[in-house]
N, C-alpha and C. Protein backbone atom coordinates (compact mmCIF):
# COMPACT_ATOMS: atom_id res chain seq x y z
N MET A 1 -22.02 -34.49 -21.16
CA MET A 1 -23.38 -33.78 -20.90
C MET A 1 -24.42 -34.86 -20.88
N SER A 2 -25.40 -34.69 -19.99
CA SER A 2 -26.43 -35.59 -19.80
C SER A 2 -27.56 -35.30 -20.72
N GLY A 3 -28.42 -36.21 -21.06
CA GLY A 3 -29.60 -35.93 -21.95
C GLY A 3 -30.62 -35.00 -21.41
N VAL A 4 -31.46 -34.50 -22.38
CA VAL A 4 -32.52 -33.77 -22.07
C VAL A 4 -33.68 -34.55 -22.03
N VAL A 5 -34.55 -34.65 -20.94
CA VAL A 5 -35.84 -35.37 -20.96
C VAL A 5 -36.83 -34.31 -21.22
N VAL A 6 -37.64 -34.93 -22.31
CA VAL A 6 -38.72 -34.03 -23.02
C VAL A 6 -39.96 -34.60 -22.37
N GLY A 7 -40.77 -33.91 -21.75
CA GLY A 7 -41.99 -34.23 -21.20
C GLY A 7 -43.07 -33.96 -22.02
N SER A 8 -44.36 -34.75 -22.00
CA SER A 8 -45.50 -34.42 -22.81
C SER A 8 -46.12 -33.26 -22.52
N PRO A 9 -46.26 -32.38 -23.58
CA PRO A 9 -46.91 -31.05 -23.35
C PRO A 9 -48.38 -31.13 -23.20
N VAL A 10 -49.14 -32.32 -23.45
CA VAL A 10 -50.51 -32.54 -23.27
C VAL A 10 -50.68 -33.90 -22.79
N PRO A 11 -51.80 -34.15 -22.04
CA PRO A 11 -52.22 -35.59 -21.77
C PRO A 11 -52.65 -36.21 -23.05
N GLY A 12 -52.74 -37.53 -22.92
CA GLY A 12 -53.21 -38.23 -24.19
C GLY A 12 -52.64 -39.63 -24.27
N THR A 13 -52.62 -40.05 -25.64
CA THR A 13 -51.96 -41.41 -25.93
C THR A 13 -50.84 -41.08 -26.77
N ALA A 14 -49.81 -41.82 -26.49
CA ALA A 14 -48.49 -41.77 -27.38
C ALA A 14 -48.78 -42.46 -28.66
N LEU A 15 -48.17 -41.72 -29.75
CA LEU A 15 -48.11 -42.28 -31.21
C LEU A 15 -46.84 -42.24 -31.68
N ALA A 16 -46.39 -43.34 -32.44
CA ALA A 16 -45.20 -43.24 -33.15
C ALA A 16 -45.23 -42.04 -34.15
N MET A 17 -44.31 -41.50 -34.37
CA MET A 17 -44.16 -40.38 -35.41
C MET A 17 -44.69 -40.94 -36.85
N SER A 18 -44.35 -42.11 -37.14
CA SER A 18 -44.73 -42.66 -38.41
C SER A 18 -46.17 -42.90 -38.52
N GLU A 19 -46.96 -42.79 -37.47
CA GLU A 19 -48.31 -43.05 -37.48
C GLU A 19 -49.11 -41.63 -37.52
N VAL A 20 -48.29 -40.40 -37.59
CA VAL A 20 -49.06 -39.14 -37.69
C VAL A 20 -49.51 -38.95 -39.15
N PRO A 21 -50.77 -38.54 -39.39
CA PRO A 21 -51.41 -38.38 -40.64
C PRO A 21 -50.89 -37.17 -41.29
N ASP A 22 -49.54 -37.03 -41.43
CA ASP A 22 -49.02 -35.90 -42.27
C ASP A 22 -47.71 -36.27 -42.46
N PRO A 23 -47.31 -36.17 -43.80
CA PRO A 23 -45.97 -36.76 -44.18
C PRO A 23 -44.82 -36.03 -43.74
N VAL A 24 -44.79 -34.77 -43.43
CA VAL A 24 -43.80 -33.96 -42.90
C VAL A 24 -43.42 -34.56 -41.47
N PHE A 25 -44.36 -34.85 -40.73
CA PHE A 25 -44.04 -35.40 -39.49
C PHE A 25 -43.90 -36.89 -39.48
N ALA A 26 -44.62 -37.71 -40.34
CA ALA A 26 -44.63 -39.04 -40.41
C ALA A 26 -43.20 -39.60 -40.92
N GLU A 27 -42.57 -38.70 -41.74
CA GLU A 27 -41.32 -39.21 -42.45
C GLU A 27 -40.05 -38.43 -41.58
N SER A 28 -40.49 -37.78 -40.48
CA SER A 28 -39.45 -37.18 -39.58
C SER A 28 -38.60 -36.15 -40.44
N ILE A 29 -39.14 -35.46 -41.25
CA ILE A 29 -38.48 -34.33 -42.25
C ILE A 29 -37.92 -33.26 -41.32
N VAL A 30 -38.81 -32.75 -40.32
CA VAL A 30 -38.21 -31.82 -39.36
C VAL A 30 -37.48 -32.31 -38.17
N GLY A 31 -37.59 -33.52 -37.90
CA GLY A 31 -36.94 -34.33 -36.86
C GLY A 31 -37.62 -35.50 -36.35
N PRO A 32 -37.02 -36.33 -35.48
CA PRO A 32 -37.63 -37.39 -34.90
C PRO A 32 -38.42 -36.88 -33.55
N GLY A 33 -39.31 -37.76 -33.14
CA GLY A 33 -39.90 -37.40 -31.82
C GLY A 33 -41.03 -38.39 -31.60
N VAL A 34 -42.01 -37.92 -30.82
CA VAL A 34 -43.15 -38.76 -30.55
C VAL A 34 -44.41 -37.80 -30.62
N ALA A 35 -45.58 -38.42 -31.06
CA ALA A 35 -46.77 -37.45 -31.10
C ALA A 35 -47.68 -37.93 -29.99
N VAL A 36 -48.66 -37.01 -29.67
CA VAL A 36 -49.55 -37.36 -28.66
C VAL A 36 -50.98 -36.99 -29.02
N ASP A 37 -51.98 -38.11 -29.02
CA ASP A 37 -53.27 -37.78 -29.35
C ASP A 37 -54.08 -37.43 -28.13
N PRO A 38 -54.37 -36.14 -27.98
CA PRO A 38 -54.94 -35.54 -26.84
C PRO A 38 -56.50 -35.98 -26.63
N PRO A 39 -56.96 -35.70 -25.33
CA PRO A 39 -58.47 -36.08 -25.09
C PRO A 39 -59.29 -35.04 -25.88
N ARG A 40 -60.40 -35.44 -26.16
CA ARG A 40 -61.46 -34.60 -26.98
C ARG A 40 -62.26 -33.83 -26.08
N ASP A 41 -62.31 -33.83 -24.82
CA ASP A 41 -63.34 -33.25 -23.99
C ASP A 41 -62.77 -32.06 -23.31
N GLY A 42 -63.27 -30.85 -23.46
CA GLY A 42 -62.91 -29.68 -22.67
C GLY A 42 -61.70 -29.17 -23.15
N ASP A 43 -61.28 -27.91 -22.24
CA ASP A 43 -60.06 -27.39 -22.44
C ASP A 43 -58.91 -28.23 -22.21
N VAL A 44 -57.82 -28.15 -22.82
CA VAL A 44 -56.54 -28.73 -22.54
C VAL A 44 -55.48 -27.78 -22.38
N ASP A 45 -54.82 -27.71 -21.23
CA ASP A 45 -53.59 -26.90 -21.12
C ASP A 45 -52.46 -27.58 -21.72
N VAL A 46 -51.65 -26.78 -22.50
CA VAL A 46 -50.43 -27.28 -23.16
C VAL A 46 -49.25 -26.66 -22.25
N VAL A 47 -48.33 -27.56 -21.97
CA VAL A 47 -47.24 -26.98 -21.07
C VAL A 47 -45.83 -27.08 -21.80
N ALA A 48 -44.84 -26.43 -21.30
CA ALA A 48 -43.47 -26.56 -21.71
C ALA A 48 -42.83 -27.87 -21.32
N PRO A 49 -42.26 -28.50 -22.40
CA PRO A 49 -41.76 -29.87 -22.27
C PRO A 49 -40.52 -30.06 -21.41
N PHE A 50 -39.92 -28.87 -21.20
CA PHE A 50 -38.74 -28.65 -20.43
C PHE A 50 -38.45 -27.25 -20.05
N GLU A 51 -37.49 -26.95 -19.15
CA GLU A 51 -37.15 -25.65 -18.96
C GLU A 51 -36.25 -25.00 -20.11
N GLY A 52 -36.54 -23.78 -20.50
CA GLY A 52 -35.85 -23.20 -21.55
C GLY A 52 -36.35 -21.87 -22.18
N THR A 53 -36.04 -21.42 -23.08
CA THR A 53 -36.40 -20.23 -23.79
C THR A 53 -37.57 -20.54 -24.83
N LEU A 54 -38.76 -19.73 -24.79
CA LEU A 54 -39.62 -19.86 -25.75
C LEU A 54 -39.27 -19.07 -26.98
N VAL A 55 -38.57 -19.71 -27.91
CA VAL A 55 -38.05 -18.99 -29.15
C VAL A 55 -39.00 -18.67 -30.21
N LYS A 56 -40.00 -19.42 -30.30
CA LYS A 56 -41.11 -19.19 -31.18
C LYS A 56 -42.36 -19.55 -30.60
N LEU A 57 -43.30 -18.72 -30.89
CA LEU A 57 -44.72 -19.02 -30.27
C LEU A 57 -45.83 -18.57 -31.20
N HIS A 58 -46.50 -19.45 -31.61
CA HIS A 58 -47.67 -19.35 -32.48
C HIS A 58 -48.90 -19.89 -31.75
N PRO A 59 -50.19 -19.58 -32.04
CA PRO A 59 -51.25 -20.26 -31.27
C PRO A 59 -51.23 -21.70 -31.43
N HIS A 60 -50.85 -22.21 -32.73
CA HIS A 60 -50.94 -23.69 -33.03
C HIS A 60 -49.64 -24.36 -32.90
N ALA A 61 -48.50 -23.72 -32.50
CA ALA A 61 -47.32 -24.28 -32.42
C ALA A 61 -46.26 -23.41 -31.59
N PHE A 62 -45.28 -24.07 -30.96
CA PHE A 62 -44.27 -23.35 -30.31
C PHE A 62 -42.89 -24.15 -30.34
N VAL A 63 -41.84 -23.33 -30.12
CA VAL A 63 -40.62 -23.98 -30.04
C VAL A 63 -39.84 -23.61 -28.76
N VAL A 64 -39.47 -24.54 -27.90
CA VAL A 64 -38.67 -24.27 -26.65
C VAL A 64 -37.27 -24.75 -26.81
N GLN A 65 -36.33 -23.73 -26.47
CA GLN A 65 -34.91 -24.30 -26.63
C GLN A 65 -34.30 -24.37 -25.23
N HIS A 66 -33.64 -25.48 -25.10
CA HIS A 66 -33.01 -25.69 -23.72
C HIS A 66 -31.72 -25.09 -23.66
N ALA A 67 -31.07 -25.04 -22.46
CA ALA A 67 -29.89 -24.30 -22.24
C ALA A 67 -28.87 -24.95 -23.02
N SER A 68 -28.86 -26.31 -23.14
CA SER A 68 -27.89 -27.12 -23.95
C SER A 68 -27.88 -26.67 -25.60
N GLY A 69 -28.90 -25.95 -25.95
CA GLY A 69 -29.05 -25.67 -27.50
C GLY A 69 -30.14 -26.58 -28.10
N ARG A 70 -30.58 -27.59 -27.55
CA ARG A 70 -31.57 -28.43 -27.95
C ARG A 70 -32.79 -27.69 -28.14
N ALA A 71 -33.55 -27.89 -29.23
CA ALA A 71 -34.81 -27.25 -29.28
C ALA A 71 -35.94 -28.26 -29.71
N VAL A 72 -37.12 -28.07 -29.19
CA VAL A 72 -38.21 -29.02 -29.46
C VAL A 72 -39.41 -28.14 -29.96
N LEU A 73 -39.96 -28.62 -31.12
CA LEU A 73 -41.20 -28.06 -31.71
C LEU A 73 -42.44 -28.79 -31.14
N VAL A 74 -43.30 -28.17 -30.70
CA VAL A 74 -44.65 -28.75 -30.28
C VAL A 74 -45.76 -28.26 -31.24
N HIS A 75 -46.27 -29.00 -32.00
CA HIS A 75 -47.33 -28.57 -32.99
C HIS A 75 -48.64 -29.05 -32.67
N LEU A 76 -49.69 -28.30 -32.30
CA LEU A 76 -50.90 -28.63 -31.76
C LEU A 76 -51.89 -28.84 -32.76
N GLY A 77 -51.99 -30.14 -33.08
CA GLY A 77 -52.93 -30.55 -34.28
C GLY A 77 -52.29 -30.43 -35.52
N LEU A 78 -52.96 -30.93 -36.61
CA LEU A 78 -52.30 -30.85 -37.85
C LEU A 78 -53.53 -29.92 -38.81
N ASP A 79 -52.65 -29.13 -39.65
CA ASP A 79 -53.36 -28.14 -40.58
C ASP A 79 -53.99 -26.91 -39.59
N THR A 80 -53.66 -26.89 -38.41
CA THR A 80 -54.14 -25.89 -37.47
C THR A 80 -53.76 -24.59 -37.78
N VAL A 81 -52.68 -24.30 -38.50
CA VAL A 81 -52.27 -22.98 -38.70
C VAL A 81 -53.30 -22.28 -39.60
N GLN A 82 -54.22 -23.22 -40.30
CA GLN A 82 -55.37 -22.58 -41.14
C GLN A 82 -56.29 -21.81 -40.28
N LEU A 83 -56.32 -22.07 -38.86
CA LEU A 83 -57.35 -21.56 -38.06
C LEU A 83 -57.02 -20.06 -37.59
N LYS A 84 -55.64 -19.64 -38.06
CA LYS A 84 -55.31 -18.22 -37.69
C LYS A 84 -55.45 -17.99 -36.18
N GLY A 85 -55.19 -18.83 -35.25
CA GLY A 85 -55.14 -18.61 -33.97
C GLY A 85 -56.56 -18.82 -33.11
N GLU A 86 -57.62 -18.97 -33.95
CA GLU A 86 -58.94 -19.14 -33.43
C GLU A 86 -59.10 -20.46 -32.69
N GLY A 87 -59.52 -20.43 -31.35
CA GLY A 87 -59.71 -21.53 -30.63
C GLY A 87 -58.43 -21.90 -29.59
N PHE A 88 -57.45 -21.01 -29.79
CA PHE A 88 -56.14 -21.16 -28.87
C PHE A 88 -55.99 -19.83 -28.06
N THR A 89 -55.69 -20.12 -26.74
CA THR A 89 -55.48 -18.92 -25.87
C THR A 89 -53.93 -19.10 -25.35
N LEU A 90 -53.07 -18.04 -25.68
CA LEU A 90 -51.74 -17.99 -25.15
C LEU A 90 -51.56 -17.63 -23.86
N HIS A 91 -50.60 -18.08 -23.10
CA HIS A 91 -50.26 -17.64 -21.61
C HIS A 91 -48.84 -17.36 -21.60
N ALA A 92 -48.16 -17.22 -22.58
CA ALA A 92 -46.77 -16.88 -22.52
C ALA A 92 -46.39 -15.88 -23.71
N ALA A 93 -45.22 -15.43 -23.74
CA ALA A 93 -44.77 -14.59 -24.80
C ALA A 93 -43.47 -15.22 -25.44
N GLU A 94 -43.30 -14.91 -26.76
CA GLU A 94 -41.98 -15.32 -27.25
C GLU A 94 -40.92 -14.72 -26.74
N GLY A 95 -39.67 -15.48 -26.41
CA GLY A 95 -38.68 -14.88 -25.85
C GLY A 95 -38.46 -15.11 -24.30
N GLU A 96 -39.73 -15.45 -23.79
CA GLU A 96 -39.78 -15.57 -22.31
C GLU A 96 -39.05 -16.96 -21.90
N THR A 97 -38.53 -16.98 -20.68
CA THR A 97 -37.95 -18.05 -20.16
C THR A 97 -39.03 -18.95 -19.38
N VAL A 98 -39.16 -20.17 -19.73
CA VAL A 98 -40.28 -21.04 -19.19
C VAL A 98 -39.66 -22.18 -18.41
N THR A 99 -40.59 -22.59 -17.53
CA THR A 99 -40.10 -23.77 -16.64
C THR A 99 -40.91 -24.97 -17.16
N ALA A 100 -40.32 -26.17 -16.84
CA ALA A 100 -41.01 -27.47 -17.29
C ALA A 100 -42.25 -27.39 -16.68
N GLY A 101 -43.38 -27.76 -17.46
CA GLY A 101 -44.83 -27.76 -16.85
C GLY A 101 -45.48 -26.57 -16.79
N GLN A 102 -44.96 -25.37 -17.22
CA GLN A 102 -45.52 -24.09 -17.27
C GLN A 102 -46.58 -24.18 -18.39
N VAL A 103 -47.83 -23.67 -18.07
CA VAL A 103 -48.79 -23.50 -19.11
C VAL A 103 -48.55 -22.43 -20.19
N LEU A 104 -48.50 -22.92 -21.35
CA LEU A 104 -48.16 -22.03 -22.55
C LEU A 104 -49.27 -21.55 -23.38
N VAL A 105 -50.18 -22.50 -23.67
CA VAL A 105 -51.32 -22.44 -24.47
C VAL A 105 -52.55 -23.34 -23.93
N THR A 106 -53.72 -22.86 -24.15
CA THR A 106 -55.02 -23.67 -23.83
C THR A 106 -55.63 -23.82 -25.14
N TRP A 107 -56.22 -24.90 -25.53
CA TRP A 107 -57.08 -25.24 -26.68
C TRP A 107 -58.04 -26.37 -26.21
N ARG A 108 -58.92 -26.54 -27.35
CA ARG A 108 -59.95 -27.64 -27.31
C ARG A 108 -59.73 -28.47 -28.35
N PRO A 109 -59.12 -29.67 -28.15
CA PRO A 109 -58.79 -30.58 -29.19
C PRO A 109 -60.04 -31.14 -29.85
N GLY A 110 -61.18 -31.21 -28.92
CA GLY A 110 -62.43 -31.73 -29.60
C GLY A 110 -63.02 -30.90 -30.76
N ASP A 111 -62.76 -29.42 -30.45
CA ASP A 111 -63.11 -28.49 -31.50
C ASP A 111 -62.41 -28.63 -32.67
N ILE A 112 -61.13 -28.92 -32.63
CA ILE A 112 -60.29 -29.24 -33.76
C ILE A 112 -60.77 -30.46 -34.52
N ALA A 113 -61.15 -31.51 -33.85
CA ALA A 113 -61.63 -32.67 -34.51
C ALA A 113 -62.95 -32.43 -35.13
N GLU A 114 -63.87 -31.75 -34.52
CA GLU A 114 -65.11 -31.39 -35.09
C GLU A 114 -65.05 -30.68 -36.29
N GLY A 115 -63.84 -29.79 -36.35
CA GLY A 115 -63.74 -28.85 -37.56
C GLY A 115 -63.10 -29.80 -38.71
N GLY A 116 -62.87 -31.15 -38.60
CA GLY A 116 -62.29 -31.78 -39.63
C GLY A 116 -60.70 -32.02 -39.62
N ARG A 117 -60.09 -31.47 -38.61
CA ARG A 117 -58.77 -31.54 -38.49
C ARG A 117 -58.37 -32.48 -37.47
N SER A 118 -57.00 -33.09 -37.54
CA SER A 118 -56.54 -34.04 -36.57
C SER A 118 -56.02 -33.15 -35.52
N PRO A 119 -56.32 -33.43 -34.08
CA PRO A 119 -55.75 -32.91 -32.88
C PRO A 119 -54.45 -33.54 -32.60
N VAL A 120 -53.96 -34.46 -33.37
CA VAL A 120 -52.68 -35.38 -32.96
C VAL A 120 -51.50 -34.23 -32.88
N SER A 121 -50.79 -34.23 -31.78
CA SER A 121 -49.76 -33.18 -31.64
C SER A 121 -48.50 -33.87 -31.64
N PRO A 122 -47.63 -33.55 -32.74
CA PRO A 122 -46.24 -34.05 -32.71
C PRO A 122 -45.32 -33.20 -31.88
N VAL A 123 -44.43 -33.94 -31.24
CA VAL A 123 -43.39 -33.24 -30.44
C VAL A 123 -42.14 -33.74 -30.99
N VAL A 124 -41.39 -32.70 -31.73
CA VAL A 124 -40.24 -32.89 -32.52
C VAL A 124 -38.97 -32.45 -31.95
N ALA A 125 -37.87 -33.35 -31.90
CA ALA A 125 -36.61 -32.90 -31.61
C ALA A 125 -35.94 -32.31 -32.93
N LEU A 126 -35.95 -31.00 -32.98
CA LEU A 126 -35.30 -30.25 -34.10
C LEU A 126 -33.83 -30.59 -34.46
N ASP A 127 -33.53 -30.88 -35.53
CA ASP A 127 -32.01 -31.03 -35.99
C ASP A 127 -31.59 -32.20 -35.18
N ALA A 128 -32.21 -33.14 -34.72
CA ALA A 128 -31.61 -34.13 -34.04
C ALA A 128 -31.11 -35.25 -35.02
N ALA A 129 -30.02 -35.67 -34.48
CA ALA A 129 -29.29 -36.85 -35.41
C ALA A 129 -30.15 -38.09 -35.32
N PRO A 130 -30.20 -39.02 -36.42
CA PRO A 130 -30.78 -40.19 -36.25
C PRO A 130 -30.25 -40.83 -35.03
N GLY A 131 -31.12 -41.66 -34.22
CA GLY A 131 -30.55 -42.21 -33.14
C GLY A 131 -30.22 -41.42 -31.80
N ALA A 132 -30.56 -40.14 -31.98
CA ALA A 132 -30.19 -39.39 -30.85
C ALA A 132 -31.25 -39.37 -29.71
N LEU A 133 -32.39 -40.00 -30.03
CA LEU A 133 -33.48 -39.99 -28.96
C LEU A 133 -33.51 -41.46 -28.36
N SER A 134 -33.79 -41.61 -27.10
CA SER A 134 -33.92 -42.83 -26.38
C SER A 134 -35.07 -42.76 -25.56
N ALA A 135 -35.38 -43.94 -25.02
CA ALA A 135 -36.56 -44.02 -24.03
C ALA A 135 -37.89 -43.50 -24.63
N LEU A 136 -38.09 -43.63 -25.81
CA LEU A 136 -39.29 -43.15 -26.39
C LEU A 136 -40.68 -43.78 -25.65
N ALA A 137 -41.58 -42.82 -25.53
CA ALA A 137 -42.83 -43.46 -24.95
C ALA A 137 -43.33 -44.44 -26.01
N GLU A 138 -43.88 -45.61 -25.54
CA GLU A 138 -44.29 -46.66 -26.33
C GLU A 138 -45.64 -46.28 -26.93
N PRO A 139 -45.95 -46.48 -28.30
CA PRO A 139 -47.25 -46.13 -28.71
C PRO A 139 -48.35 -46.82 -28.11
N GLY A 140 -49.33 -46.13 -27.92
CA GLY A 140 -50.52 -46.75 -27.13
C GLY A 140 -50.47 -46.39 -25.54
N THR A 141 -49.38 -45.79 -25.12
CA THR A 141 -49.23 -45.54 -23.71
C THR A 141 -49.95 -44.33 -23.43
N ALA A 142 -50.84 -44.63 -22.36
CA ALA A 142 -51.61 -43.34 -21.65
C ALA A 142 -50.70 -42.30 -21.08
N LEU A 143 -50.72 -41.10 -21.38
CA LEU A 143 -49.65 -40.14 -20.94
C LEU A 143 -50.37 -39.01 -20.03
N GLU A 144 -49.80 -38.82 -18.86
CA GLU A 144 -50.18 -37.50 -18.06
C GLU A 144 -49.39 -36.44 -18.71
N THR A 145 -49.76 -35.19 -18.44
CA THR A 145 -49.04 -33.97 -18.88
C THR A 145 -47.90 -34.03 -18.07
N GLY A 146 -46.60 -33.85 -18.77
CA GLY A 146 -45.36 -33.90 -18.20
C GLY A 146 -44.66 -35.26 -18.05
N ALA A 147 -45.35 -36.38 -18.50
CA ALA A 147 -44.76 -37.69 -18.61
C ALA A 147 -43.53 -37.62 -19.51
N ALA A 148 -42.55 -38.42 -19.41
CA ALA A 148 -41.58 -38.41 -20.21
C ALA A 148 -41.91 -38.89 -21.63
N LEU A 149 -41.67 -38.27 -22.62
CA LEU A 149 -41.94 -38.63 -24.04
C LEU A 149 -40.52 -39.32 -24.72
N PHE A 150 -39.46 -38.79 -24.39
CA PHE A 150 -38.26 -39.31 -24.68
C PHE A 150 -37.09 -38.42 -24.16
N GLU A 151 -35.88 -39.11 -24.23
CA GLU A 151 -34.66 -38.60 -23.88
C GLU A 151 -33.79 -38.26 -25.04
N TRP A 152 -33.23 -37.05 -25.17
CA TRP A 152 -32.34 -36.50 -26.21
C TRP A 152 -30.93 -36.56 -25.65
N ALA A 153 -30.25 -37.39 -26.00
CA ALA A 153 -28.85 -37.65 -25.68
C ALA A 153 -27.92 -36.51 -26.08
């Protein structure tokens, strides 16, 4: 079976997961991955990182599961669950089949930052074994939406 290439759900700058200012993500407790620091100006569309089923959808986070069974969590900002959906617009529904690059959520990372929260967005390979990810985006790399973040073997 070939690996699943996970695309960046947002534009921005790649960050090592260890640099995420939240211990749950920084210590890879939920799984390994790469975080993206999005731009602060205007609306940012968040897209599906690959084709699959939208198994969980909250305004601030979602999980897409690939046909291979691999699932990725995208968490939009840190502590954003406290916003109870304010500032996020959903464009999909839980249970829906989505295509890579399909817009799922729109948000304003600048508003998150102005509200005192970090807009850094971890992209986590759920239940991935240590060493299962390769070709991780180098920290500091400028990413376009859809650019490869990592491959999950």
